Amino acid sequence: MSKYDAQTSTPGDTIDVAVTGNGLGKRLGIIATCVVGGSLVALYAVTGPFVAPALRKICLPFVPATSVQVENVFKVLQQRTGSLVDIGSGDGRIVIAAAKKGFRAVGFELNPWLVWYSRYRAWREGVHHSTSFYISDLWKVSFAQYSNVVIFGVPQMMEKLEDKLGRELQSSARVVACRFPFPSWVPDDTAGEGIDTVWVYDAKTVQSLVQINQATEK
C-alpha cells in the first residue's frame, strides 16, 4: 500500500467511526434524558406529599417519635380508656401502640404515603381491626368524640390548636402534647425531660380556666 493509499483510507475510516459514534451518542443522550425525567417524576410522586405540607401556612412535619416519647405518652395515659386520636399520626406508631394497650385508636395524617404505610404496619402487627387511619387536614376534623388526644406539634400551630381543642373536647378528655406545650394552657402533669417531655392537659381544667378568664375580661 502506497503512502497515499494509507492516508486516503485512514480519513475514510475515521469519518465512519465518527458518524457511528455520533449516532450512538444521540441515542444515549435520549435514553439518559428519559431516565432522568422519569426519575424526577417518580421522585416528585414519592416526596411530593412530604414537601406539600411545608408549603402551607402552618405545617406539621413528620418527625418519628422516639421510643422514650412513646413510653412517656402512655405513662400519663395509665388508667385511661376509651378512644384515642393521634393528630398528625405519621408512621402510625402511637396509634398502633395505643391499640395494643386496648384503646380504640385513630390517626389523622395529611400525607397519603404515611397513611398507607401505617395501615400496612397495623396489619403486620395484628391490630388493623382496632385502628383506623385517615388522610385528612387536622383543621377540617372535629375531635369532640375522642377521650384522649395526642399531638406532636410545632410552636406556630399550638395556639390555633389550643383554641380548636378547647372548643371541641368533652370535659372528660385528656390532651397529651409532645415536644412543645400549649402557649396558654397550664399542664396538669408532665413526664420526661428534654425533647422527650410530654405535657398533660385535662379538658375540664382547661375549660374552667377559660371560663374564669372570660368572666374576668367582662
Foldseek 3Di string as FASTA:
>chain_A
DDPVVVVVVVVVVVVVVVVVVVVVVVVVVVVVVVVVVVVVVVVCVVCVLQCVQVPDPFHFHDDDDDPLLLVFLVVVCPVPEEAEEEEQCFQPPNQLVVLVVHHQYEYEHQRPVSQVNNLVVSVVVVRNVSYYYYNDDPVVDAPQVGQEYEYAGDVVCQAVVLVRCLVRYDQNHKYKYAQDDRDPDDFPDWDDDDNSIIGMDRSNVVNVVVVVVVVVVD
